[in-house]
Amino acid sequence: MANDKKRDAASSTRTRRNEQDLGPLEVQVVDNNVGRAINQLKRMVGREGLKREMKRHRFYEKPSVAKRRKSIEAERRRRKEARRRKKSDN
C-alpha cells in the first residue's frame, strides 16, 4: 500500500502541469524531512522550466531573436518526440 502511494505521487509529479493547473508549486514535508522536500521542489522547478524562463527574462529579447529561439525549441521537441516514437516502435 505504501509503495502504491509513493508511485502515484512520483508519477503525478513527473509530468508537466497543464494550463489548468497553474498556481503555486507545493511540496509537503513528511517526517520533518525538509532536505528531501527542498530537493523535490528543485526538481519540480526544473521540470516546469521556471529557472530557464527567469534566466531568459533577465534581459530584453528582440522579437526576431525570440522567434528564432522558439523555432529552435520547437524543432528540438519534434526531434525528441520522433526519437521516442521510434524507440517505442522497436
N, C-alpha and C. Protein backbone atom coordinates (compact mmCIF):
# COMPACT_ATOMS: atom_id res chain seq x y z
N MET A 1 0.81 -1.20 0.00
CA MET A 1 0.00 0.00 0.00
C MET A 1 0.86 1.26 0.00
N ALA A 2 1.91 1.27 0.82
CA ALA A 2 2.77 2.45 0.90
C ALA A 2 3.51 2.68 -0.41
N ASN A 3 3.94 1.58 -1.06
CA ASN A 3 4.64 1.71 -2.34
C ASN A 3 3.72 2.29 -3.40
N ASP A 4 2.43 1.93 -3.36
CA ASP A 4 1.47 2.47 -4.33
C ASP A 4 1.34 3.97 -4.18
N LYS A 5 1.30 4.45 -2.94
CA LYS A 5 1.19 5.88 -2.70
C LYS A 5 2.42 6.61 -3.22
N LYS A 6 3.62 6.03 -2.96
CA LYS A 6 4.84 6.65 -3.44
C LYS A 6 4.85 6.70 -4.96
N ARG A 7 4.46 5.60 -5.59
CA ARG A 7 4.47 5.52 -7.04
C ARG A 7 3.48 6.53 -7.63
N ASP A 8 2.29 6.62 -7.04
CA ASP A 8 1.30 7.58 -7.54
C ASP A 8 1.80 9.01 -7.39
N ALA A 9 2.41 9.32 -6.26
CA ALA A 9 2.91 10.67 -6.03
C ALA A 9 4.04 10.98 -7.00
N ALA A 10 4.92 10.01 -7.22
CA ALA A 10 6.05 10.25 -8.11
C ALA A 10 5.57 10.41 -9.55
N SER A 11 4.64 9.58 -9.98
CA SER A 11 4.20 9.67 -11.38
C SER A 11 3.43 10.96 -11.63
N SER A 12 2.71 11.45 -10.64
CA SER A 12 1.96 12.68 -10.84
C SER A 12 2.87 13.90 -10.89
N THR A 13 4.02 13.84 -10.22
CA THR A 13 4.91 14.98 -10.22
C THR A 13 5.87 14.95 -11.40
N ARG A 14 6.02 13.81 -12.07
CA ARG A 14 6.94 13.73 -13.20
C ARG A 14 6.43 14.46 -14.42
N THR A 15 5.15 14.51 -14.59
CA THR A 15 4.60 15.12 -15.79
C THR A 15 4.52 16.63 -15.62
N ARG A 16 4.59 17.32 -16.74
CA ARG A 16 4.43 18.78 -16.71
C ARG A 16 3.00 19.11 -16.37
N ARG A 17 2.82 20.17 -15.64
CA ARG A 17 1.48 20.59 -15.29
C ARG A 17 0.81 21.19 -16.51
N ASN A 18 -0.50 20.98 -16.62
CA ASN A 18 -1.20 21.57 -17.75
C ASN A 18 -1.65 22.99 -17.40
N GLU A 19 -2.20 23.67 -18.37
CA GLU A 19 -2.55 25.09 -18.20
C GLU A 19 -3.56 25.30 -17.07
N GLN A 20 -4.42 24.33 -16.82
CA GLN A 20 -5.43 24.48 -15.78
C GLN A 20 -4.82 24.39 -14.39
N ASP A 21 -3.65 23.79 -14.29
CA ASP A 21 -3.00 23.55 -13.01
C ASP A 21 -2.15 24.73 -12.53
N LEU A 22 -2.15 25.81 -13.28
CA LEU A 22 -1.27 26.91 -12.91
C LEU A 22 -1.59 27.42 -11.52
N GLY A 23 -0.58 27.65 -10.78
CA GLY A 23 -0.71 28.08 -9.40
C GLY A 23 0.59 27.80 -8.70
N PRO A 24 0.62 27.91 -7.41
CA PRO A 24 1.89 27.70 -6.69
C PRO A 24 2.31 26.23 -6.73
N LEU A 25 3.62 26.01 -6.77
CA LEU A 25 4.15 24.66 -6.64
C LEU A 25 4.15 24.32 -5.16
N GLU A 26 3.64 23.17 -4.83
CA GLU A 26 3.56 22.78 -3.42
C GLU A 26 4.28 21.47 -3.20
N VAL A 27 5.02 21.40 -2.10
CA VAL A 27 5.69 20.18 -1.69
C VAL A 27 5.38 19.98 -0.22
N GLN A 28 4.98 18.78 0.13
CA GLN A 28 4.67 18.51 1.52
C GLN A 28 5.89 17.92 2.22
N VAL A 29 6.16 18.40 3.42
CA VAL A 29 7.27 17.90 4.22
C VAL A 29 6.75 16.73 5.04
N VAL A 30 7.38 15.57 4.86
CA VAL A 30 6.95 14.36 5.55
C VAL A 30 8.01 14.00 6.59
N ASP A 31 7.61 13.76 7.80
CA ASP A 31 8.50 13.38 8.91
C ASP A 31 9.65 14.37 9.11
N ASN A 32 9.36 15.65 9.02
CA ASN A 32 10.36 16.72 9.21
C ASN A 32 11.58 16.55 8.30
N ASN A 33 11.39 15.95 7.13
CA ASN A 33 12.48 15.75 6.18
C ASN A 33 12.48 16.93 5.20
N VAL A 34 13.00 18.06 5.67
CA VAL A 34 12.98 19.29 4.88
C VAL A 34 13.92 19.19 3.68
N GLY A 35 15.05 18.52 3.86
CA GLY A 35 16.01 18.38 2.77
C GLY A 35 15.40 17.69 1.57
N ARG A 36 14.65 16.63 1.82
CA ARG A 36 14.00 15.91 0.73
C ARG A 36 12.95 16.78 0.05
N ALA A 37 12.21 17.54 0.85
CA ALA A 37 11.19 18.43 0.29
C ALA A 37 11.82 19.50 -0.59
N ILE A 38 12.97 20.02 -0.16
CA ILE A 38 13.66 21.03 -0.97
C ILE A 38 14.11 20.43 -2.29
N ASN A 39 14.66 19.20 -2.23
CA ASN A 39 15.09 18.55 -3.46
C ASN A 39 13.91 18.29 -4.40
N GLN A 40 12.77 17.90 -3.85
CA GLN A 40 11.57 17.70 -4.67
C GLN A 40 11.16 19.00 -5.33
N LEU A 41 11.21 20.09 -4.57
CA LEU A 41 10.84 21.39 -5.11
C LEU A 41 11.80 21.80 -6.23
N LYS A 42 13.09 21.56 -6.04
CA LYS A 42 14.07 21.87 -7.08
C LYS A 42 13.79 21.09 -8.35
N ARG A 43 13.45 19.81 -8.22
CA ARG A 43 13.13 19.00 -9.40
C ARG A 43 11.89 19.53 -10.09
N MET A 44 10.88 19.90 -9.30
CA MET A 44 9.65 20.43 -9.89
C MET A 44 9.92 21.73 -10.63
N VAL A 45 10.72 22.60 -10.05
CA VAL A 45 11.05 23.88 -10.68
C VAL A 45 11.81 23.61 -11.99
N GLY A 46 12.71 22.65 -11.96
CA GLY A 46 13.46 22.31 -13.17
C GLY A 46 12.56 21.77 -14.27
N ARG A 47 11.62 20.90 -13.91
CA ARG A 47 10.69 20.33 -14.90
C ARG A 47 9.78 21.40 -15.47
N GLU A 48 9.38 22.34 -14.65
CA GLU A 48 8.49 23.39 -15.12
C GLU A 48 9.20 24.39 -16.03
N GLY A 49 10.52 24.41 -15.96
CA GLY A 49 11.27 25.34 -16.80
C GLY A 49 11.29 26.75 -16.23
N LEU A 50 10.99 26.89 -14.94
CA LEU A 50 10.95 28.22 -14.33
C LEU A 50 12.32 28.87 -14.29
N LYS A 51 13.34 28.08 -13.99
CA LYS A 51 14.68 28.64 -13.89
C LYS A 51 15.13 29.16 -15.26
N ARG A 52 14.87 28.38 -16.29
CA ARG A 52 15.24 28.79 -17.65
C ARG A 52 14.48 30.05 -18.05
N GLU A 53 13.20 30.09 -17.70
CA GLU A 53 12.39 31.25 -18.07
C GLU A 53 12.84 32.51 -17.32
N MET A 54 13.19 32.37 -16.05
CA MET A 54 13.67 33.52 -15.28
C MET A 54 14.98 34.03 -15.89
N LYS A 55 15.84 33.10 -16.29
CA LYS A 55 17.11 33.49 -16.89
C LYS A 55 16.87 34.21 -18.22
N ARG A 56 15.89 33.73 -18.98
CA ARG A 56 15.59 34.32 -20.28
C ARG A 56 15.00 35.73 -20.13
N HIS A 57 14.26 35.96 -19.08
CA HIS A 57 13.63 37.27 -18.87
C HIS A 57 14.54 38.27 -18.15
N ARG A 58 15.77 37.86 -17.92
CA ARG A 58 16.70 38.75 -17.24
C ARG A 58 16.99 39.99 -18.08
N PHE A 59 17.05 39.80 -19.40
CA PHE A 59 17.33 40.89 -20.33
C PHE A 59 16.27 40.91 -21.41
N TYR A 60 16.17 42.03 -22.09
CA TYR A 60 15.22 42.16 -23.19
C TYR A 60 15.66 41.27 -24.35
N GLU A 61 14.68 40.60 -24.94
CA GLU A 61 14.94 39.74 -26.08
C GLU A 61 14.22 40.32 -27.29
N LYS A 62 14.97 40.64 -28.32
CA LYS A 62 14.37 41.21 -29.51
C LYS A 62 13.38 40.20 -30.11
N PRO A 63 12.30 40.69 -30.72
CA PRO A 63 11.31 39.78 -31.31
C PRO A 63 11.90 38.80 -32.31
N SER A 64 12.86 39.24 -33.11
CA SER A 64 13.46 38.32 -34.08
C SER A 64 14.25 37.21 -33.39
N VAL A 65 14.91 37.55 -32.31
CA VAL A 65 15.67 36.55 -31.56
C VAL A 65 14.71 35.59 -30.86
N ALA A 66 13.61 36.11 -30.32
CA ALA A 66 12.62 35.27 -29.66
C ALA A 66 12.01 34.29 -30.65
N LYS A 67 11.71 34.77 -31.84
CA LYS A 67 11.12 33.92 -32.88
C LYS A 67 12.08 32.79 -33.26
N ARG A 68 13.34 33.14 -33.42
CA ARG A 68 14.35 32.14 -33.78
C ARG A 68 14.51 31.11 -32.65
N ARG A 69 14.54 31.58 -31.40
CA ARG A 69 14.68 30.68 -30.25
C ARG A 69 13.50 29.73 -30.16
N LYS A 70 12.30 30.27 -30.34
CA LYS A 70 11.11 29.42 -30.27
C LYS A 70 11.11 28.37 -31.37
N SER A 71 11.57 28.76 -32.57
CA SER A 71 11.65 27.83 -33.68
C SER A 71 12.62 26.70 -33.38
N ILE A 72 13.77 27.05 -32.81
CA ILE A 72 14.77 26.04 -32.46
C ILE A 72 14.23 25.10 -31.39
N GLU A 73 13.55 25.66 -30.38
CA GLU A 73 12.98 24.83 -29.31
C GLU A 73 11.91 23.89 -29.86
N ALA A 74 11.09 24.38 -30.78
CA ALA A 74 10.05 23.54 -31.37
C ALA A 74 10.67 22.39 -32.16
N GLU A 75 11.71 22.69 -32.92
CA GLU A 75 12.40 21.65 -33.69
C GLU A 75 13.01 20.61 -32.76
N ARG A 76 13.58 21.06 -31.63
CA ARG A 76 14.15 20.13 -30.66
C ARG A 76 13.07 19.22 -30.08
N ARG A 77 11.90 19.80 -29.78
CA ARG A 77 10.80 18.98 -29.26
C ARG A 77 10.33 17.96 -30.29
N ARG A 78 10.25 18.38 -31.56
CA ARG A 78 9.82 17.45 -32.62
C ARG A 78 10.81 16.29 -32.76
N ARG A 79 12.10 16.60 -32.74
CA ARG A 79 13.11 15.53 -32.86
C ARG A 79 13.04 14.59 -31.67
N LYS A 80 12.85 15.15 -30.48
CA LYS A 80 12.77 14.33 -29.27
C LYS A 80 11.56 13.40 -29.34
N GLU A 81 10.42 13.93 -29.77
CA GLU A 81 9.21 13.12 -29.90
C GLU A 81 9.39 12.04 -30.95
N ALA A 82 10.06 12.36 -32.06
CA ALA A 82 10.31 11.37 -33.10
C ALA A 82 11.20 10.24 -32.56
N ARG A 83 12.21 10.59 -31.76
CA ARG A 83 13.06 9.56 -31.15
C ARG A 83 12.25 8.67 -30.24
N ARG A 84 11.36 9.28 -29.46
CA ARG A 84 10.52 8.48 -28.54
C ARG A 84 9.63 7.53 -29.31
N ARG A 85 9.01 8.03 -30.39
CA ARG A 85 8.13 7.18 -31.18
C ARG A 85 8.92 6.04 -31.84
N LYS A 86 10.08 6.38 -32.35
CA LYS A 86 10.93 5.35 -32.99
C LYS A 86 11.35 4.30 -31.97
N LYS A 87 11.69 4.73 -30.77
CA LYS A 87 12.12 3.81 -29.72
C LYS A 87 10.96 2.92 -29.27
N SER A 88 9.76 3.48 -29.17
CA SER A 88 8.60 2.69 -28.73
C SER A 88 8.14 1.71 -29.80
N ASP A 89 8.40 2.02 -31.08
CA ASP A 89 8.03 1.11 -32.16
C ASP A 89 8.90 -0.12 -32.18
N ASN A 90 10.15 0.02 -31.73
CA ASN A 90 11.08 -1.13 -31.74
C ASN A 90 10.84 -2.06 -30.63
